[in-house]
N, C-alpha and C. Protein backbone atom coordinates (compact mmCIF):
# COMPACT_ATOMS: atom_id res chain seq x y z
N MET A 1 123.96 86.77 95.76
CA MET A 1 124.15 87.09 97.48
C MET A 1 122.75 87.72 98.24
N THR A 2 122.42 86.81 99.35
CA THR A 2 121.42 86.34 100.11
C THR A 2 121.01 88.41 101.24
N GLU A 3 119.95 88.51 100.53
CA GLU A 3 119.05 89.60 101.33
C GLU A 3 119.40 89.54 103.14
N GLU A 4 119.93 90.41 103.81
CA GLU A 4 119.42 90.34 105.27
C GLU A 4 118.89 91.23 105.85
N VAL A 5 117.69 90.82 106.26
CA VAL A 5 116.98 91.88 106.70
C VAL A 5 117.61 92.05 108.03
N LEU A 6 118.21 93.21 109.00
CA LEU A 6 118.63 94.29 109.53
C LEU A 6 117.02 94.50 110.64
N PHE A 7 116.14 95.33 110.42
CA PHE A 7 115.10 95.57 110.84
C PHE A 7 113.50 95.01 110.34
N LYS A 8 112.60 94.87 110.96
CA LYS A 8 110.98 94.76 110.35
C LYS A 8 110.70 95.06 111.56
N LEU A 9 109.20 95.86 111.07
CA LEU A 9 108.27 96.51 111.61
C LEU A 9 107.06 96.55 110.70
N GLU A 10 106.01 96.08 111.59
CA GLU A 10 104.86 95.56 110.62
C GLU A 10 103.59 95.90 111.99
N GLN A 11 102.96 97.25 112.37
CA GLN A 11 102.28 97.38 112.93
C GLN A 11 100.96 98.12 112.43
N LYS A 12 99.43 97.88 113.16
CA LYS A 12 98.75 98.99 112.98
C LYS A 12 98.83 100.45 113.40
N MET A 13 98.06 101.75 112.57
CA MET A 13 98.95 102.49 113.21
C MET A 13 97.67 103.64 112.67
N SER A 14 97.10 104.50 112.90
CA SER A 14 96.63 105.90 112.61
C SER A 14 97.40 106.18 111.46
N ASN A 15 96.90 107.33 110.22
CA ASN A 15 97.00 107.48 109.59
C ASN A 15 98.37 108.73 109.96
N SER A 16 97.50 109.23 111.10
CA SER A 16 98.17 110.64 111.29
C SER A 16 99.93 110.00 112.05
N GLU A 17 100.50 109.00 112.66
CA GLU A 17 101.12 107.95 113.18
C GLU A 17 101.79 107.74 112.20
N ILE A 18 101.29 107.14 111.27
CA ILE A 18 102.27 107.16 110.06
C ILE A 18 102.78 107.99 109.60
N ALA A 19 102.28 108.94 109.15
CA ALA A 19 102.22 110.48 108.79
C ALA A 19 103.47 111.22 109.31
N GLU A 20 103.34 110.63 110.58
CA GLU A 20 104.45 111.31 111.82
C GLU A 20 106.13 110.89 111.68
N ASN A 21 105.77 109.94 111.78
CA ASN A 21 107.30 108.85 111.22
C ASN A 21 107.80 108.69 109.56
N LEU A 22 106.71 109.02 108.82
CA LEU A 22 107.19 109.84 107.56
C LEU A 22 107.83 110.71 107.75
N ARG A 23 107.55 111.85 108.39
CA ARG A 23 107.91 113.11 108.24
C ARG A 23 109.06 113.21 109.36
N GLU A 24 109.62 112.08 110.31
CA GLU A 24 110.70 112.01 111.49
C GLU A 24 111.59 111.60 110.55
N ILE A 25 111.30 110.77 109.22
CA ILE A 25 112.49 109.80 108.98
C ILE A 25 112.55 110.98 108.10
N ALA A 26 111.59 111.70 107.03
CA ALA A 26 111.83 112.57 105.66
C ALA A 26 113.28 113.41 106.54
N GLU A 27 112.64 114.41 107.35
CA GLU A 27 113.74 115.18 108.04
C GLU A 27 115.16 114.65 108.16
N LYS A 28 115.25 113.82 108.86
CA LYS A 28 116.88 113.35 108.78
C LYS A 28 117.26 112.67 107.66
N ILE A 29 116.88 112.17 106.23
CA ILE A 29 116.98 112.03 105.59
C ILE A 29 117.17 113.32 104.64
N GLU A 30 116.50 114.70 104.95
CA GLU A 30 117.36 116.06 104.63
C GLU A 30 118.06 117.06 105.35
N ASN A 31 118.60 116.13 106.16
CA ASN A 31 119.79 116.74 107.12
C ASN A 31 120.93 116.16 106.60
N GLY A 32 120.88 114.74 106.50
CA GLY A 32 121.68 113.78 106.17
C GLY A 32 121.94 113.37 107.80
N ASP A 33 121.56 113.55 108.56
CA ASP A 33 121.06 113.23 109.92
C ASP A 33 121.07 111.00 110.00
N GLU A 34 121.89 110.56 110.45
CA GLU A 34 121.57 109.30 111.02
C GLU A 34 119.74 108.67 111.66
N ILE A 35 119.58 107.73 110.73
CA ILE A 35 118.00 106.88 111.30
C ILE A 35 118.76 106.12 112.18
N SER A 36 117.97 106.26 113.24
CA SER A 36 118.02 105.16 114.39
C SER A 36 116.61 104.25 114.33
N LEU A 37 116.27 102.94 114.33
CA LEU A 37 115.18 102.58 114.51
C LEU A 37 115.30 101.50 115.80
N LYS A 38 114.40 101.46 116.52
CA LYS A 38 114.00 100.32 117.63
C LYS A 38 112.99 99.84 117.62
N SER A 39 112.26 98.33 118.03
CA SER A 39 111.50 98.22 118.56
C SER A 39 111.74 96.76 118.86
N GLY A 40 111.56 96.39 120.57
CA GLY A 40 111.87 95.07 120.63
C GLY A 40 112.99 95.27 121.33
N ASN A 41 113.43 93.85 120.63
CA ASN A 41 115.34 93.83 121.02
C ASN A 41 115.89 94.16 119.73
N GLN A 42 114.96 94.44 118.39
CA GLN A 42 115.26 95.06 117.23
C GLN A 42 115.80 96.24 117.71
N SER A 43 117.27 96.81 116.44
CA SER A 43 117.59 98.14 116.43
C SER A 43 118.59 98.27 114.82
N VAL A 44 118.61 99.55 114.53
CA VAL A 44 119.89 99.31 113.58
C VAL A 44 119.54 100.90 113.18
N ASP A 45 121.03 101.51 112.93
CA ASP A 45 121.54 102.68 112.44
C ASP A 45 121.69 103.07 110.87
N LEU A 46 121.03 103.79 110.85
CA LEU A 46 121.18 103.77 109.26
C LEU A 46 121.68 105.45 108.39
N ARG A 47 122.95 105.73 108.36
CA ARG A 47 123.99 106.54 107.46
C ARG A 47 122.79 107.57 106.11
N THR A 48 122.73 108.61 106.29
CA THR A 48 121.71 108.97 105.33
C THR A 48 122.73 110.26 104.54
N ASP A 49 123.65 110.22 104.49
CA ASP A 49 124.50 111.36 104.66
C ASP A 49 125.00 111.13 102.99
N ARG A 50 124.81 110.12 101.91
CA ARG A 50 124.81 109.67 100.49
C ARG A 50 123.64 109.71 99.52
N SER A 51 124.23 109.88 98.81
CA SER A 51 123.11 110.30 97.82
C SER A 51 122.27 108.61 97.17
N ALA A 52 121.14 108.28 97.05
CA ALA A 52 120.36 106.79 97.52
C ALA A 52 119.62 107.01 96.23
N GLU A 53 118.97 105.55 96.08
CA GLU A 53 117.93 105.68 94.91
C GLU A 53 116.70 105.59 95.65
N PHE A 54 115.60 106.22 94.92
CA PHE A 54 114.40 105.94 95.82
C PHE A 54 113.30 105.43 94.44
N GLU A 55 112.59 104.25 95.10
CA GLU A 55 111.27 103.73 94.30
C GLU A 55 110.16 103.64 95.14
N ILE A 56 109.00 104.40 93.89
CA ILE A 56 108.01 103.84 94.95
C ILE A 56 106.86 102.95 94.11
N LYS A 57 105.96 102.20 94.88
CA LYS A 57 105.73 101.33 93.74
C LYS A 57 104.00 101.00 94.74
N VAL A 58 102.79 100.72 94.00
CA VAL A 58 101.93 100.62 94.34
C VAL A 58 101.85 99.40 94.04
N GLU A 59 100.49 98.58 94.77
CA GLU A 59 100.23 96.92 94.24
C GLU A 59 98.63 97.11 94.55
N ARG A 60 98.03 96.08 93.98
CA ARG A 60 96.80 95.66 94.09
C ARG A 60 96.54 94.47 94.05
N GLU A 61 96.27 93.75 95.66
CA GLU A 61 96.08 92.13 95.50
C GLU A 61 94.42 91.89 96.28
N LYS A 62 93.30 91.71 95.19
CA LYS A 62 92.22 91.36 95.76
C LYS A 62 91.78 92.80 96.76
N ASP A 63 91.45 92.91 97.66
CA ASP A 63 90.49 94.10 98.34
C ASP A 63 91.76 95.02 99.33
N GLU A 64 92.78 94.92 98.60
CA GLU A 64 93.93 95.10 99.31
C GLU A 64 94.88 96.18 98.40
N GLU A 65 95.27 97.43 98.52
CA GLU A 65 96.17 98.32 98.17
C GLU A 65 97.37 98.14 99.06
N SER A 66 97.91 98.42 98.21
CA SER A 66 99.72 98.74 98.94
C SER A 66 100.52 99.75 98.20
N LEU A 67 101.01 100.60 99.30
CA LEU A 67 102.22 101.96 98.84
C LEU A 67 103.06 101.33 99.46
N GLU A 68 104.43 101.20 98.75
CA GLU A 68 105.80 100.86 98.76
C GLU A 68 106.70 102.06 98.73
N LEU A 69 107.91 102.19 99.62
CA LEU A 69 108.37 103.23 99.53
C LEU A 69 109.99 102.55 100.03
N GLU A 70 110.99 102.65 98.79
CA GLU A 70 112.35 102.03 99.48
C GLU A 70 113.37 102.95 99.08
N ILE A 71 114.47 103.08 99.72
CA ILE A 71 115.26 104.37 99.69
C ILE A 71 116.70 103.05 99.82
N GLU A 72 117.44 103.41 98.92
CA GLU A 72 118.58 102.16 98.96
C GLU A 72 119.74 103.14 98.80
N TRP A 73 120.22 103.02 99.55
CA TRP A 73 122.27 103.62 99.72
C TRP A 73 123.03 102.74 99.43
N LYS A 74 124.16 103.01 98.43
CA LYS A 74 125.17 102.21 98.69
C LYS A 74 126.47 102.13 99.77
N LYS A 75 126.70 101.51 99.86
CA LYS A 75 128.01 101.62 101.28
C LYS A 75 129.11 102.35 100.50
N ASN A 76 129.48 102.96 101.67
CA ASN A 76 130.73 103.74 101.44
C ASN A 76 132.12 102.83 101.02
N ASN A 77 132.36 103.56 99.78
CA ASN A 77 133.73 102.44 99.03
C ASN A 77 134.97 102.98 99.69
N ASP A 78 134.94 104.18 100.46
CA ASP A 78 135.78 105.03 100.67
C ASP A 78 137.11 103.93 101.66
N LYS A 79 138.18 103.86 101.68
CA LYS A 79 139.48 103.17 102.38
C LYS A 79 139.67 103.76 103.60
N GLU A 80 139.81 103.23 103.98
CA GLU A 80 140.64 103.55 105.53
C GLU A 80 142.04 103.80 105.39
N PHE A 81 142.77 102.87 104.29
CA PHE A 81 143.68 103.40 104.19
C PHE A 81 144.40 102.83 103.02
N GLU A 82 145.04 103.39 102.02
CA GLU A 82 146.11 102.75 101.23
C GLU A 82 147.03 102.29 101.06
N ILE A 83 147.54 101.40 100.43
CA ILE A 83 148.50 100.36 100.35
C ILE A 83 149.40 101.31 98.78
N SER A 84 150.66 101.71 98.94
CA SER A 84 151.04 102.20 97.66
C SER A 84 152.29 101.77 97.27
């Protein structure tokens, strides 16, 4: 299955701006609230009221280090109706 990118943002930010964005996202996840992301003509809403898989990855390439945080929510398998 091909991966579909629904939203992507990559920009320079100060450490305090990055931390504030992470705090806002963490608070929404903790409360099970929806996360709404918007940038230009891109926007996406994510439900966080389900269990998720959390991955932390640190990479080094030449003179650059990166920290990647990934959260995966499975699509809800609840059916709207059932035929018996």
